[in-house]
């Protein structure tokens, strides 16, 4: 079974890279971040506070999240509704960071993710894939970049989608999210001891993808 774990902070390019890697290697891509974003959106829709453990635990055991693929794109369903666009809004990004800090939330999502990884070859990206979700994954990579670079990437991405955003606010949110993710009590963001460290600040997407694919192909003798 080929399991590839790609971890890193917000805006490091891990999701974009993971999608391309999955295409090149013809394996499943599971966007774990979308799952946590869906949890944050659900909490918001219920009028609850993502930072409060009691609020998160009130619905997480029965949350209905499904992942499917249509025309090569991952579709995230929450209570049967396609929320793929809604969960990409900046405010949901922060809510995802807040709610993912709760152990009950992470255990529920990890349970779902491990079942998928056990059944098929796949690439997963997130913040604790190599350290907690799939600690025995054969291939682990830690992608990062300077906060300024990551904010610029996210800014361009949102502008291209027609959204009005502030670069300074995005940078502030990324720095705050980094802090939250690295300092949460349960399964914090950190590089796995056996993960390949990749600073993408001055690397093209193709270079990062090639590095990962070549490492896997060499290990699998493809």
Protein backbone atom coordinates (compact mmCIF):
# COMPACT_ATOMS: atom_id res chain seq x y z
CA UNK A 1 0.00 0.00 0.00
CA UNK A 2 1.36 3.42 -0.98
CA UNK A 3 0.55 6.09 1.61
CA UNK A 4 2.09 9.54 1.15
CA UNK A 5 1.88 12.06 3.99
CA UNK A 6 2.38 15.73 3.17
CA UNK A 7 2.34 18.10 6.13
CA UNK A 8 2.95 21.81 6.50
CA UNK A 9 1.48 25.16 7.54
CA UNK A 10 -1.28 27.06 5.72
CA UNK A 11 -0.32 28.27 2.26
CA UNK A 12 2.77 26.08 1.89
CA UNK A 13 1.36 24.59 -1.29
CA UNK A 14 0.76 21.12 0.10
CA UNK A 15 -2.81 20.75 -1.22
CA UNK A 16 -1.89 21.86 -4.74
CA UNK A 17 1.14 19.58 -4.73
CA UNK A 18 -0.81 16.63 -3.31
CA UNK A 19 -3.44 16.89 -6.05
CA UNK A 20 -0.83 16.82 -8.82
CA UNK A 21 1.10 14.00 -7.17
CA UNK A 22 -2.08 11.93 -6.97
CA UNK A 23 -2.70 12.48 -10.68
CA UNK A 24 0.85 11.57 -11.71
CA UNK A 25 0.95 8.45 -9.57
CA UNK A 26 -2.70 7.60 -10.29
CA UNK A 27 -3.66 7.27 -6.62
CA UNK A 28 -6.38 8.83 -4.47
CA UNK A 29 -5.98 12.36 -3.09
CA UNK A 30 -7.74 12.99 0.22
CA UNK A 31 -7.97 16.66 1.19
CA UNK A 32 -8.05 16.35 4.99
CA UNK A 33 -8.15 20.12 5.40
CA UNK A 34 -11.54 20.20 3.69
CA UNK A 35 -12.86 17.85 6.35
CA UNK A 36 -11.85 20.19 9.17
CA UNK A 37 -13.20 23.17 7.28
CA UNK A 38 -16.52 21.37 7.01
CA UNK A 39 -16.48 20.87 10.79
CA UNK A 40 -15.84 24.59 11.26
CA UNK A 41 -18.67 25.47 8.90
CA UNK A 42 -21.05 23.13 10.69
CA UNK A 43 -20.19 24.73 14.02
CA UNK A 44 -20.84 28.18 12.55
CA UNK A 45 -24.17 27.15 11.04
CA UNK A 46 -25.25 25.84 14.44
CA UNK A 47 -24.36 29.16 16.03
CA UNK A 48 -21.72 27.56 18.23
CA UNK A 49 -18.20 28.63 19.21
CA UNK A 50 -15.43 26.59 17.57
CA UNK A 51 -13.04 27.48 20.38
CA UNK A 52 -15.26 25.89 23.04
CA UNK A 53 -14.73 22.19 23.58
CA UNK A 54 -18.27 21.64 24.82
CA UNK A 55 -19.68 23.20 21.65
CA UNK A 56 -17.49 21.11 19.35
CA UNK A 57 -18.28 17.90 21.20
CA UNK A 58 -22.02 18.58 21.01
CA UNK A 59 -22.25 17.64 17.34
CA UNK A 60 -19.01 16.04 16.17
CA UNK A 61 -19.97 12.42 16.88
CA UNK A 62 -22.93 12.65 14.50
CA UNK A 63 -21.50 14.99 11.85
CA UNK A 64 -22.24 13.87 8.29
CA UNK A 65 -19.22 14.54 6.05
CA UNK A 66 -18.68 12.72 2.80
CA UNK A 67 -15.92 13.08 0.23
CA UNK A 68 -16.48 12.20 -3.41
CA UNK A 69 -14.84 12.97 -6.74
CA UNK A 70 -16.48 14.52 -9.77
CA UNK A 71 -14.55 15.22 -12.98
CA UNK A 72 -11.26 14.83 -11.13
CA UNK A 73 -12.19 17.30 -8.38
CA UNK A 74 -12.90 16.56 -4.74
CA UNK A 75 -16.39 17.48 -3.62
CA UNK A 76 -17.04 17.94 0.09
CA UNK A 77 -20.58 17.21 1.26
CA UNK A 78 -21.90 18.39 4.62
CA UNK A 79 -25.30 16.99 5.55
CA UNK A 80 -25.72 16.03 1.92
CA UNK A 81 -25.01 19.55 0.61
CA UNK A 82 -22.02 20.49 -1.55
CA UNK A 83 -20.02 22.98 0.53
CA UNK A 84 -16.81 22.85 -1.54
CA UNK A 85 -16.95 26.62 -2.21
CA UNK A 86 -18.22 27.72 1.20
CA UNK A 87 -15.43 26.03 3.14
CA UNK A 88 -12.75 27.94 1.20
CA UNK A 89 -13.75 31.34 2.58
CA UNK A 90 -11.09 33.01 4.81
CA UNK A 91 -13.27 33.03 7.94
CA UNK A 92 -13.84 29.28 7.65
CA UNK A 93 -10.08 28.76 7.46
CA UNK A 94 -9.70 30.26 10.94
CA UNK A 95 -12.69 28.28 12.27
CA UNK A 96 -11.08 25.09 10.96
CA UNK A 97 -7.92 25.90 12.91
CA UNK A 98 -9.93 26.56 16.07
CA UNK A 99 -12.11 23.45 15.93
CA UNK A 100 -9.27 21.13 14.92
CA UNK A 101 -7.60 21.82 18.26
CA UNK A 102 -10.21 19.70 20.05
CA UNK A 103 -9.27 16.04 20.56
CA UNK A 104 -12.80 14.76 19.90
CA UNK A 105 -12.85 16.48 16.51
CA UNK A 106 -9.46 15.22 15.45
CA UNK A 107 -10.18 11.66 16.55
CA UNK A 108 -13.40 11.62 14.53
CA UNK A 109 -11.67 12.91 11.40
CA UNK A 110 -8.62 10.66 11.90
CA UNK A 111 -10.89 7.64 12.19
CA UNK A 112 -12.38 8.47 8.78
CA UNK A 113 -8.98 9.20 7.22
CA UNK A 114 -7.33 6.01 8.46
CA UNK A 115 -10.12 3.84 7.08
CA UNK A 116 -9.61 5.35 3.65
CA UNK A 117 -5.81 5.01 3.79
CA UNK A 118 -6.05 1.36 4.84
CA UNK A 119 -8.18 0.49 1.84
CA UNK A 120 -6.28 2.12 -1.03
CA UNK A 121 -3.13 3.87 -2.23
CA UNK A 122 -3.46 7.56 -1.40
CA UNK A 123 -1.81 10.86 -0.67
CA UNK A 124 -3.00 12.91 2.31
CA UNK A 125 -2.06 16.44 3.25
CA UNK A 126 -2.58 18.24 6.52
CA UNK A 127 -0.73 19.21 9.67
CA UNK A 128 -0.34 15.93 11.52
CA UNK A 129 -0.57 13.27 8.81
CA UNK A 130 2.97 11.97 9.22
CA UNK A 131 3.11 12.42 12.99
CA UNK A 132 -0.34 11.18 14.04
CA UNK A 133 -2.79 10.18 11.32
CA UNK A 134 -0.45 7.87 9.38
CA UNK A 135 2.72 7.58 11.50
CA UNK A 136 3.74 4.44 9.60
CA UNK A 137 3.40 5.99 6.14
CA UNK A 138 6.38 5.03 4.02
CA UNK A 139 6.65 8.46 2.40
CA UNK A 140 6.53 11.65 4.43
CA UNK A 141 7.20 15.24 3.38
CA UNK A 142 7.06 18.52 5.30
CA UNK A 143 6.39 21.53 3.06
CA UNK A 144 6.82 25.08 4.32
CA UNK A 145 7.59 28.63 3.13
CA UNK A 146 8.03 32.11 4.59
CA UNK A 147 4.78 33.63 5.95
CA UNK A 148 5.07 36.51 3.46
CA UNK A 149 5.27 34.08 0.55
CA UNK A 150 2.35 32.01 1.79
CA UNK A 151 0.18 35.08 2.29
CA UNK A 152 0.98 36.25 -1.25
CA UNK A 153 -0.04 32.89 -2.68
CA UNK A 154 -3.35 32.87 -0.82
CA UNK A 155 -3.99 36.51 -1.80
CA UNK A 156 -3.53 35.77 -5.51
CA UNK A 157 -5.67 32.66 -5.25
CA UNK A 158 -8.60 34.54 -3.71
CA UNK A 159 -8.28 37.53 -6.03
CA UNK A 160 -8.46 35.17 -9.02
CA UNK A 161 -11.72 33.85 -7.59
CA UNK A 162 -13.11 37.38 -7.57
CA UNK A 163 -12.97 37.88 -3.81
CA UNK A 164 -12.03 41.17 -2.16
CA UNK A 165 -9.35 40.51 0.45
CA UNK A 166 -6.65 42.34 2.36
CA UNK A 167 -3.09 41.05 1.99
CA UNK A 168 -2.12 42.31 5.46
CA UNK A 169 -5.12 40.59 7.04
CA UNK A 170 -4.33 37.34 5.24
CA UNK A 171 -0.74 37.47 6.46
CA UNK A 172 -1.91 38.17 10.00
CA UNK A 173 -4.33 35.24 9.84
CA UNK A 174 -1.63 32.90 8.51
CA UNK A 175 0.76 33.85 11.32
CA UNK A 176 -2.02 33.37 13.88
CA UNK A 177 -3.00 30.05 12.38
CA UNK A 178 0.63 28.90 12.45
CA UNK A 179 0.77 29.72 16.14
CA UNK A 180 -2.52 27.96 16.89
CA UNK A 181 -1.60 24.87 14.89
CA UNK A 182 1.86 24.56 16.45
CA UNK A 183 0.70 25.15 20.02
CA UNK A 184 -2.51 23.13 20.21
CA UNK A 185 -2.35 20.52 22.97
CA UNK A 186 -3.35 17.53 20.85
CA UNK A 187 -1.45 16.50 17.68
CA UNK A 188 0.17 19.88 16.96
CA UNK A 189 1.73 20.85 13.63
CA UNK A 190 5.33 19.68 13.48
CA UNK A 191 7.71 17.91 11.15
CA UNK A 192 7.84 14.14 11.54
CA UNK A 193 11.34 12.96 12.40
CA UNK A 194 11.50 10.87 9.22
CA UNK A 195 9.88 13.43 6.90
CA UNK A 196 11.71 15.12 4.03
CA UNK A 197 11.88 18.88 4.71
CA UNK A 198 11.01 21.01 1.67
CA UNK A 199 11.14 24.83 1.72
CA UNK A 200 8.93 25.84 -1.21
CA UNK A 201 9.56 29.62 -0.90
CA UNK A 202 11.58 29.72 -4.11
CA UNK A 203 10.48 26.45 -5.69
CA UNK A 204 7.98 26.01 -8.50
CA UNK A 205 5.10 23.58 -8.01
CA UNK A 206 6.60 21.29 -10.66
CA UNK A 207 9.91 21.07 -8.79
CA UNK A 208 8.17 20.09 -5.56
CA UNK A 209 5.96 17.56 -7.33
CA UNK A 210 8.93 16.05 -9.17
CA UNK A 211 10.86 15.68 -5.91
CA UNK A 212 8.00 13.77 -4.28
CA UNK A 213 7.15 11.61 -7.29
CA UNK A 214 10.79 10.68 -7.90
CA UNK A 215 11.20 9.71 -4.24
CA UNK A 216 8.13 7.47 -4.36
CA UNK A 217 8.98 5.92 -7.72
CA UNK A 218 12.49 5.14 -6.52
CA UNK A 219 11.15 3.55 -3.34
CA UNK A 220 8.57 1.51 -5.25
CA UNK A 221 10.96 0.81 -8.13
CA UNK A 222 8.40 2.08 -10.62
